[in-house]
């Protein structure tokens, strides 16, 4: 049975059979917003663009690598001193499936809209923490987005083998009015990787503000 993550919870990456979880997916699932209509007539659909991203920091808390959408404009990122977006970490240990600009438009299909695959055996030694976070590129807050959730699972972006842990975003009342969520972090401790569910939400206007917040307040 999957672990239902709660804010502040720390977990060992150990499976039911006692083996360590080293290769897995971190995925986010959400739906487009359907409103209006009667008996299925006249309904309107509003696309929802959430961005699942991650940043990697060293033991000094310095940003050393990142994964976020390549669709972010260079001139916008440069105002914050951030490099261009990319879908692979420098060590190829993490890979992003690509930007989903709409969410599920025909109901929940059971698959995540954006996925970051992780292979902890390939992460560079200098990386001490990996932060996963979510930003809404639209005007909606998390309470308005259907079945928004994040999970860690074994499998591939198109096939879920076994869910290890889940985090339900839409059901959390404290996320009303919030457009950015620092989900949690992978971190090294005594030679092993562990996971901490942070679960802090903010009204950050964009991804760069969230990255700045992580480096200043969470990475030390």
Protein backbone atom coordinates (compact mmCIF):
# COMPACT_ATOMS: atom_id res chain seq x y z
CA UNK A 1 0.00 0.00 0.00
CA UNK A 2 1.34 3.42 -0.96
CA UNK A 3 2.46 5.89 1.71
CA UNK A 4 0.07 8.84 1.98
CA UNK A 5 2.50 11.70 2.50
CA UNK A 6 1.81 14.42 5.04
CA UNK A 7 3.54 17.76 5.40
CA UNK A 8 6.86 17.44 7.21
CA UNK A 9 6.94 13.64 6.99
CA UNK A 10 10.30 11.94 6.38
CA UNK A 11 10.52 8.49 4.83
CA UNK A 12 13.21 5.95 4.05
CA UNK A 13 13.29 4.85 0.43
CA UNK A 14 12.77 1.21 1.35
CA UNK A 15 10.30 -1.02 -0.45
CA UNK A 16 8.14 -3.75 1.06
CA UNK A 17 10.70 -6.39 0.12
CA UNK A 18 13.42 -4.49 2.00
CA UNK A 19 15.25 -3.33 -1.13
CA UNK A 20 16.13 0.32 -1.64
CA UNK A 21 14.13 2.44 -4.07
CA UNK A 22 16.72 3.87 -6.45
CA UNK A 23 14.93 4.13 -9.82
CA UNK A 24 11.48 5.70 -9.82
CA UNK A 25 9.23 8.42 -11.22
CA UNK A 26 7.96 11.59 -9.60
CA UNK A 27 4.76 12.47 -11.41
CA UNK A 28 2.07 15.14 -11.24
CA UNK A 29 -1.49 14.55 -12.41
CA UNK A 30 -4.22 17.14 -12.91
CA UNK A 31 -7.27 17.94 -14.99
CA UNK A 32 -8.47 20.85 -17.06
CA UNK A 33 -11.29 22.89 -15.47
CA UNK A 34 -14.75 22.10 -16.83
CA UNK A 35 -17.51 24.58 -16.04
CA UNK A 36 -21.09 25.46 -16.99
CA UNK A 37 -23.40 23.38 -19.09
CA UNK A 38 -26.57 21.41 -18.37
CA UNK A 39 -26.88 17.71 -19.11
CA UNK A 40 -23.54 17.88 -20.86
CA UNK A 41 -24.50 20.79 -23.10
CA UNK A 42 -22.70 24.13 -23.31
CA UNK A 43 -19.80 23.13 -21.10
CA UNK A 44 -16.56 25.08 -21.35
CA UNK A 45 -13.06 23.76 -20.72
CA UNK A 46 -10.19 25.85 -19.36
CA UNK A 47 -6.73 24.41 -19.91
CA UNK A 48 -4.46 24.26 -16.86
CA UNK A 49 -0.69 24.55 -17.26
CA UNK A 50 1.18 23.24 -14.22
CA UNK A 51 4.96 22.87 -14.32
CA UNK A 52 6.74 20.15 -12.38
CA UNK A 53 10.40 21.06 -11.86
CA UNK A 54 13.39 20.27 -9.68
CA UNK A 55 16.64 21.88 -8.61
CA UNK A 56 19.78 20.27 -7.20
CA UNK A 57 22.01 21.86 -4.56
CA UNK A 58 25.35 20.96 -3.00
CA UNK A 59 26.26 20.76 0.71
CA UNK A 60 26.74 24.53 0.87
CA UNK A 61 23.20 25.02 -0.41
CA UNK A 62 24.40 26.34 -3.76
CA UNK A 63 22.37 25.63 -6.89
CA UNK A 64 24.35 23.24 -9.12
CA UNK A 65 21.78 21.90 -11.59
CA UNK A 66 18.14 22.18 -12.58
CA UNK A 67 15.30 20.72 -14.61
CA UNK A 68 12.44 22.92 -15.75
CA UNK A 69 10.55 23.56 -18.97
CA UNK A 70 12.61 24.68 -22.01
CA UNK A 71 9.54 26.73 -23.00
CA UNK A 72 10.43 29.48 -20.51
CA UNK A 73 11.74 32.47 -22.43
CA UNK A 74 15.44 33.23 -22.10
CA UNK A 75 14.91 36.96 -21.55
CA UNK A 76 12.51 36.24 -18.68
CA UNK A 77 14.91 33.78 -17.01
CA UNK A 78 17.88 36.11 -17.45
CA UNK A 79 16.16 38.77 -15.34
CA UNK A 80 16.49 36.37 -12.42
CA UNK A 81 19.95 35.13 -13.37
CA UNK A 82 18.57 31.71 -14.28
CA UNK A 83 19.82 29.58 -17.20
CA UNK A 84 17.67 28.15 -19.99
CA UNK A 85 15.31 25.33 -19.16
CA UNK A 86 16.19 21.73 -19.98
CA UNK A 87 14.74 18.26 -19.54
CA UNK A 88 17.85 16.36 -18.40
CA UNK A 89 20.17 16.84 -15.46
CA UNK A 90 23.87 17.21 -16.26
CA UNK A 91 24.59 13.68 -15.01
CA UNK A 92 21.55 12.22 -16.86
CA UNK A 93 20.22 10.90 -13.55
CA UNK A 94 16.95 12.84 -13.89
CA UNK A 95 14.79 13.34 -16.97
CA UNK A 96 11.61 15.37 -17.51
CA UNK A 97 8.90 13.95 -19.77
CA UNK A 98 8.02 17.36 -21.26
CA UNK A 99 5.65 20.26 -20.66
CA UNK A 100 1.90 19.55 -20.52
CA UNK A 101 0.03 22.77 -21.28
CA UNK A 102 -3.57 21.62 -20.76
CA UNK A 103 -4.10 18.91 -18.15
CA UNK A 104 -6.49 16.02 -18.79
CA UNK A 105 -9.33 17.36 -20.93
CA UNK A 106 -11.46 14.22 -21.02
CA UNK A 107 -11.37 13.17 -17.39
CA UNK A 108 -8.64 11.47 -15.39
CA UNK A 109 -6.77 9.01 -17.61
CA UNK A 110 -4.87 7.51 -14.66
CA UNK A 111 -1.48 8.70 -15.92
CA UNK A 112 0.56 11.67 -14.78
CA UNK A 113 0.75 14.73 -17.00
CA UNK A 114 4.36 15.56 -16.20
CA UNK A 115 6.94 13.11 -14.90
CA UNK A 116 10.54 13.34 -13.73
CA UNK A 117 12.30 9.98 -13.83
CA UNK A 118 15.01 9.51 -11.22
CA UNK A 119 18.01 7.18 -11.05
CA UNK A 120 19.73 7.81 -7.73
CA UNK A 121 22.67 5.59 -8.67
CA UNK A 122 23.72 8.16 -11.29
CA UNK A 123 23.41 11.36 -9.27
CA UNK A 124 26.72 13.25 -9.03
CA UNK A 125 28.43 13.06 -5.59
CA UNK A 126 28.31 16.85 -5.18
CA UNK A 127 24.49 16.85 -5.22
CA UNK A 128 23.24 16.68 -1.62
CA UNK A 129 19.60 17.65 -2.05
CA UNK A 130 17.06 17.51 -4.89
CA UNK A 131 13.97 19.71 -4.46
CA UNK A 132 10.76 18.99 -6.39
CA UNK A 133 8.26 21.81 -6.84
CA UNK A 134 5.16 22.74 -8.78
CA UNK A 135 4.11 26.06 -10.33
CA UNK A 136 0.84 27.09 -11.94
CA UNK A 137 1.42 29.19 -15.05
CA UNK A 138 -2.20 30.34 -15.11
CA UNK A 139 -4.47 32.28 -12.75
CA UNK A 140 -6.03 29.36 -10.90
CA UNK A 141 -4.99 28.31 -7.42
CA UNK A 142 -4.49 24.67 -6.48
CA UNK A 143 -7.95 24.34 -4.91
CA UNK A 144 -9.56 25.03 -8.30
CA UNK A 145 -7.63 22.39 -10.23
CA UNK A 146 -9.30 18.96 -10.48
CA UNK A 147 -7.56 16.03 -8.78
CA UNK A 148 -4.15 17.72 -8.62
CA UNK A 149 -1.77 15.25 -6.99
CA UNK A 150 1.86 14.17 -6.91
CA UNK A 151 3.22 10.66 -6.47
CA UNK A 152 6.41 8.60 -6.46
CA UNK A 153 6.21 5.27 -8.21
CA UNK A 154 8.16 2.51 -9.89
CA UNK A 155 7.55 2.16 -13.60
CA UNK A 156 7.71 4.41 -16.64
CA UNK A 157 5.86 7.56 -17.74
CA UNK A 158 3.33 5.36 -19.56
CA UNK A 159 3.08 2.43 -17.13
CA UNK A 160 2.76 2.54 -13.35
CA UNK A 161 4.18 -0.62 -11.77
CA UNK A 162 3.83 0.20 -8.08
CA UNK A 163 3.04 3.47 -6.29
CA UNK A 164 5.43 4.15 -3.42
CA UNK A 165 4.01 7.42 -2.02
CA UNK A 166 1.32 9.97 -2.90
CA UNK A 167 0.62 13.60 -2.02
CA UNK A 168 -2.89 14.98 -2.64
CA UNK A 169 -2.66 18.69 -3.50
CA UNK A 170 -6.27 19.47 -4.39
CA UNK A 171 -7.64 18.18 -1.08
CA UNK A 172 -5.51 20.49 1.09
CA UNK A 173 -7.48 23.58 2.25
CA UNK A 174 -4.27 25.48 3.05
CA UNK A 175 -3.46 25.52 -0.68
CA UNK A 176 -6.36 27.82 -1.56
CA UNK A 177 -4.99 30.98 -3.12
CA UNK A 178 -1.59 29.36 -3.66
CA UNK A 179 0.08 28.90 -7.05
CA UNK A 180 3.42 27.34 -6.08
CA UNK A 181 4.12 24.22 -4.04
CA UNK A 182 7.46 23.01 -2.75
CA UNK A 183 6.57 19.33 -2.68
CA UNK A 184 9.60 17.82 -0.99
CA UNK A 185 13.22 16.87 -1.32
CA UNK A 186 15.49 13.89 -1.74
CA UNK A 187 18.54 14.23 0.49
CA UNK A 188 21.61 12.24 1.44
CA UNK A 189 22.00 11.05 5.03
CA UNK A 190 24.74 8.68 6.18
CA UNK A 191 25.38 7.47 2.66
CA UNK A 192 21.71 6.80 1.85
CA UNK A 193 19.00 8.77 0.09
CA UNK A 194 15.89 9.72 2.03
CA UNK A 195 12.79 11.77 1.22
CA UNK A 196 11.18 14.61 3.15
CA UNK A 197 7.69 15.87 2.30
CA UNK A 198 7.84 19.67 2.66
CA UNK A 199 4.38 20.59 1.41
CA UNK A 200 4.74 24.38 1.71
CA UNK A 201 2.61 26.44 -0.68
CA UNK A 202 3.04 30.07 -1.72
CA UNK A 203 1.53 32.64 -4.06
CA UNK A 204 4.76 32.93 -6.06
CA UNK A 205 4.09 34.61 -9.42
CA UNK A 206 6.57 32.42 -11.30
CA UNK A 207 9.07 29.57 -11.16
CA UNK A 208 12.10 31.80 -10.61
CA UNK A 209 10.65 33.20 -7.41
CA UNK A 210 10.11 29.66 -6.14
CA UNK A 211 13.67 28.64 -6.96
CA UNK A 212 14.97 31.73 -5.14
CA UNK A 213 12.82 30.79 -2.14
CA UNK A 214 14.20 27.25 -2.11
CA UNK A 215 17.83 28.35 -2.23
CA UNK A 216 17.40 31.05 0.43
CA UNK A 217 15.10 29.25 2.88
CA UNK A 218 15.25 25.49 2.36
CA UNK A 219 18.64 24.50 0.98
CA UNK A 220 20.83 25.51 3.91
